[in-house]
Amino acid sequence: MYSRDRQRRRALVVFQLFVYGAMLAMFLIQLYMLIVRPW
């Protein structure tokens, strides 16, 4: 039971890191596109 709870918490942390990484990647892609070809 304890190990399962720890595993669930670990999965939640990994999921949060994945979401933050995706948001950061989209932000960097938009910034890169703005720098490469300014409007």
PDB file of N, CA and C in Angstrom:
ATOM      1  N   MET A   1       0.836  -1.202   0.000  1.00  0.00           N
ATOM      2  CA  MET A   1       0.000   0.000   0.000  1.00  0.00           C
ATOM      3  C   MET A   1       0.871   1.254   0.000  1.00  0.00           C
ATOM      4  N   TYR A   2       1.888   1.247   0.853  1.00  0.00           N
ATOM      5  CA  TYR A   2       2.759   2.428   0.927  1.00  0.00           C
ATOM      6  C   TYR A   2       3.536   2.607  -0.375  1.00  0.00           C
ATOM      7  N   SER A   3       4.044   1.487  -0.910  1.00  0.00           N
ATOM      8  CA  SER A   3       4.808   1.592  -2.154  1.00  0.00           C
ATOM      9  C   SER A   3       3.908   2.052  -3.302  1.00  0.00           C
ATOM     10  N   ARG A   4       2.648   1.611  -3.292  1.00  0.00           N
ATOM     11  CA  ARG A   4       1.736   2.026  -4.358  1.00  0.00           C
ATOM     12  C   ARG A   4       1.466   3.532  -4.268  1.00  0.00           C
ATOM     13  N   ASP A   5       1.313   4.052  -3.048  1.00  0.00           N
ATOM     14  CA  ASP A   5       1.088   5.488  -2.881  1.00  0.00           C
ATOM     15  C   ASP A   5       2.313   6.269  -3.344  1.00  0.00           C
ATOM     16  N   ARG A   6       3.491   5.761  -3.012  1.00  0.00           N
ATOM     17  CA  ARG A   6       4.718   6.437  -3.443  1.00  0.00           C
ATOM     18  C   ARG A   6       4.810   6.424  -4.967  1.00  0.00           C
ATOM     19  N   GLN A   7       4.429   5.296  -5.567  1.00  0.00           N
ATOM     20  CA  GLN A   7       4.479   5.197  -7.028  1.00  0.00           C
ATOM     21  C   GLN A   7       3.510   6.185  -7.668  1.00  0.00           C
ATOM     22  N   ARG A   8       2.317   6.331  -7.068  1.00  0.00           N
ATOM     23  CA  ARG A   8       1.336   7.264  -7.623  1.00  0.00           C
ATOM     24  C   ARG A   8       1.853   8.694  -7.528  1.00  0.00           C
ATOM     25  N   ARG A   9       2.457   9.040  -6.378  1.00  0.00           N
ATOM     26  CA  ARG A   9       2.996  10.394  -6.219  1.00  0.00           C
ATOM     27  C   ARG A   9       4.114  10.641  -7.227  1.00  0.00           C
ATOM     28  N   ARG A  10       4.940   9.613  -7.447  1.00  0.00           N
ATOM     29  CA  ARG A  10       6.027   9.743  -8.410  1.00  0.00           C
ATOM     30  C   ARG A  10       5.469   9.964  -9.816  1.00  0.00           C
ATOM     31  N   ALA A  11       4.416   9.229 -10.171  1.00  0.00           N
ATOM     32  CA  ALA A  11       3.796   9.392 -11.485  1.00  0.00           C
ATOM     33  C   ALA A  11       3.215  10.795 -11.630  1.00  0.00           C
ATOM     34  N   LEU A  12       2.650  11.324 -10.544  1.00  0.00           N
ATOM     35  CA  LEU A  12       2.085  12.673 -10.596  1.00  0.00           C
ATOM     36  C   LEU A  12       3.186  13.701 -10.837  1.00  0.00           C
ATOM     37  N   VAL A  13       4.333  13.533 -10.173  1.00  0.00           N
ATOM     38  CA  VAL A  13       5.453  14.458 -10.362  1.00  0.00           C
ATOM     39  C   VAL A  13       5.956  14.382 -11.798  1.00  0.00           C
ATOM     40  N   VAL A  14       6.079  13.160 -12.327  1.00  0.00           N
ATOM     41  CA  VAL A  14       6.538  12.995 -13.709  1.00  0.00           C
ATOM     42  C   VAL A  14       5.560  13.651 -14.676  1.00  0.00           C
ATOM     43  N   PHE A  15       4.255  13.487 -14.413  1.00  0.00           N
ATOM     44  CA  PHE A  15       3.241  14.088 -15.282  1.00  0.00           C
ATOM     45  C   PHE A  15       3.328  15.608 -15.241  1.00  0.00           C
ATOM     46  N   GLN A  16       3.527  16.180 -14.034  1.00  0.00           N
ATOM     47  CA  GLN A  16       3.652  17.635 -13.918  1.00  0.00           C
ATOM     48  C   GLN A  16       4.881  18.127 -14.668  1.00  0.00           C
ATOM     49  N   LEU A  17       5.996  17.410 -14.538  1.00  0.00           N
ATOM     50  CA  LEU A  17       7.210  17.804 -15.254  1.00  0.00           C
ATOM     51  C   LEU A  17       6.972  17.757 -16.762  1.00  0.00           C
ATOM     52  N   PHE A  18       6.243  16.739 -17.229  1.00  0.00           N
ATOM     53  CA  PHE A  18       5.957  16.628 -18.655  1.00  0.00           C
ATOM     54  C   PHE A  18       5.112  17.803 -19.137  1.00  0.00           C
ATOM     55  N   VAL A  19       4.092  18.178 -18.348  1.00  0.00           N
ATOM     56  CA  VAL A  19       3.221  19.295 -18.729  1.00  0.00           C
ATOM     57  C   VAL A  19       4.018  20.593 -18.764  1.00  0.00           C
ATOM     58  N   TYR A  20       4.838  20.830 -17.722  1.00  0.00           N
ATOM     59  CA  TYR A  20       5.635  22.057 -17.702  1.00  0.00           C
ATOM     60  C   TYR A  20       6.629  22.074 -18.861  1.00  0.00           C
ATOM     61  N   GLY A  21       7.201  20.924 -19.179  1.00  0.00           N
ATOM     62  CA  GLY A  21       8.136  20.842 -20.298  1.00  0.00           C
ATOM     63  C   GLY A  21       7.449  21.159 -21.623  1.00  0.00           C
ATOM     64  N   ALA A  22       6.221  20.671 -21.796  1.00  0.00           N
ATOM     65  CA  ALA A  22       5.490  20.936 -23.032  1.00  0.00           C
ATOM     66  C   ALA A  22       5.164  22.424 -23.150  1.00  0.00           C
ATOM     67  N   MET A  23       4.736  23.042 -22.036  1.00  0.00           N
ATOM     68  CA  MET A  23       4.431  24.474 -22.067  1.00  0.00           C
ATOM     69  C   MET A  23       5.687  25.287 -22.369  1.00  0.00           C
ATOM     70  N   LEU A  24       6.805  24.910 -21.757  1.00  0.00           N
ATOM     71  CA  LEU A  24       8.060  25.613 -21.999  1.00  0.00           C
ATOM     72  C   LEU A  24       8.493  25.445 -23.449  1.00  0.00           C
ATOM     73  N   ALA A  25       8.304  24.253 -24.007  1.00  0.00           N
ATOM     74  CA  ALA A  25       8.676  24.008 -25.399  1.00  0.00           C
ATOM     75  C   ALA A  25       7.837  24.870 -26.340  1.00  0.00           C
ATOM     76  N   MET A  26       6.532  24.962 -26.091  1.00  0.00           N
ATOM     77  CA  MET A  26       5.680  25.798 -26.951  1.00  0.00           C
ATOM     78  C   MET A  26       6.091  27.265 -26.852  1.00  0.00           C
ATOM     79  N   PHE A  27       6.417  27.719 -25.628  1.00  0.00           N
ATOM     80  CA  PHE A  27       6.846  29.107 -25.450  1.00  0.00           C
ATOM     81  C   PHE A  27       8.150  29.362 -26.198  1.00  0.00           C
ATOM     82  N   LEU A  28       9.101  28.424 -26.105  1.00  0.00           N
ATOM     83  CA  LEU A  28      10.384  28.598 -26.788  1.00  0.00           C
ATOM     84  C   LEU A  28      10.202  28.567 -28.298  1.00  0.00           C
ATOM     85  N   ILE A  29       9.284  27.734 -28.793  1.00  0.00           N
ATOM     86  CA  ILE A  29       9.043  27.673 -30.242  1.00  0.00           C
ATOM     87  C   ILE A  29       8.455  28.995 -30.737  1.00  0.00           C
ATOM     88  N   GLN A  30       7.515  29.561 -29.980  1.00  0.00           N
ATOM     89  CA  GLN A  30       6.944  30.851 -30.381  1.00  0.00           C
ATOM     90  C   GLN A  30       8.014  31.937 -30.355  1.00  0.00           C
ATOM     91  N   LEU A  31       8.843  31.945 -29.318  1.00  0.00           N
ATOM     92  CA  LEU A  31       9.913  32.932 -29.214  1.00  0.00           C
ATOM     93  C   LEU A  31      10.890  32.770 -30.377  1.00  0.00           C
ATOM     94  N   TYR A  32      11.221  31.514 -30.718  1.00  0.00           N
ATOM     95  CA  TYR A  32      12.146  31.250 -31.812  1.00  0.00           C
ATOM     96  C   TYR A  32      11.567  31.733 -33.138  1.00  0.00           C
ATOM     97  N   MET A  33      10.279  31.486 -33.357  1.00  0.00           N
ATOM     98  CA  MET A  33       9.656  31.935 -34.600  1.00  0.00           C
ATOM     99  C   MET A  33       9.615  33.458 -34.666  1.00  0.00           C
ATOM    100  N   LEU A  34       9.379  34.116 -33.524  1.00  0.00           N
ATOM    101  CA  LEU A  34       9.371  35.581 -33.511  1.00  0.00           C
ATOM    102  C   LEU A  34      10.758  36.127 -33.830  1.00  0.00           C
ATOM    103  N   ILE A  35      11.794  35.467 -33.317  1.00  0.00           N
ATOM    104  CA  ILE A  35      13.155  35.965 -33.542  1.00  0.00           C
ATOM    105  C   ILE A  35      13.590  35.695 -34.981  1.00  0.00           C
ATOM    106  N   VAL A  36      13.260  34.505 -35.497  1.00  0.00           N
ATOM    107  CA  VAL A  36      13.729  34.135 -36.836  1.00  0.00           C
ATOM    108  C   VAL A  36      13.071  34.997 -37.908  1.00  0.00           C
ATOM    109  N   ARG A  37      11.737  35.109 -37.851  1.00  0.00           N
ATOM    110  CA  ARG A  37      11.088  35.960 -38.859  1.00  0.00           C
ATOM    111  C   ARG A  37      10.151  36.939 -38.169  1.00  0.00           C
ATOM    112  N   PRO A  38      10.656  38.104 -37.828  1.00  0.00           N
ATOM    113  CA  PRO A  38       9.836  39.124 -37.163  1.00  0.00           C
ATOM    114  C   PRO A  38       8.741  39.630 -38.089  1.00  0.00           C
ATOM    115  N   TRP A  39       7.626  40.014 -37.503  1.00  0.00           N
ATOM    116  CA  TRP A  39       6.492  40.473 -38.301  1.00  0.00           C
ATOM    117  C   TRP A  39       6.766  41.867 -38.844  1.00  0.00           C
TER     118      TRP A  39
END
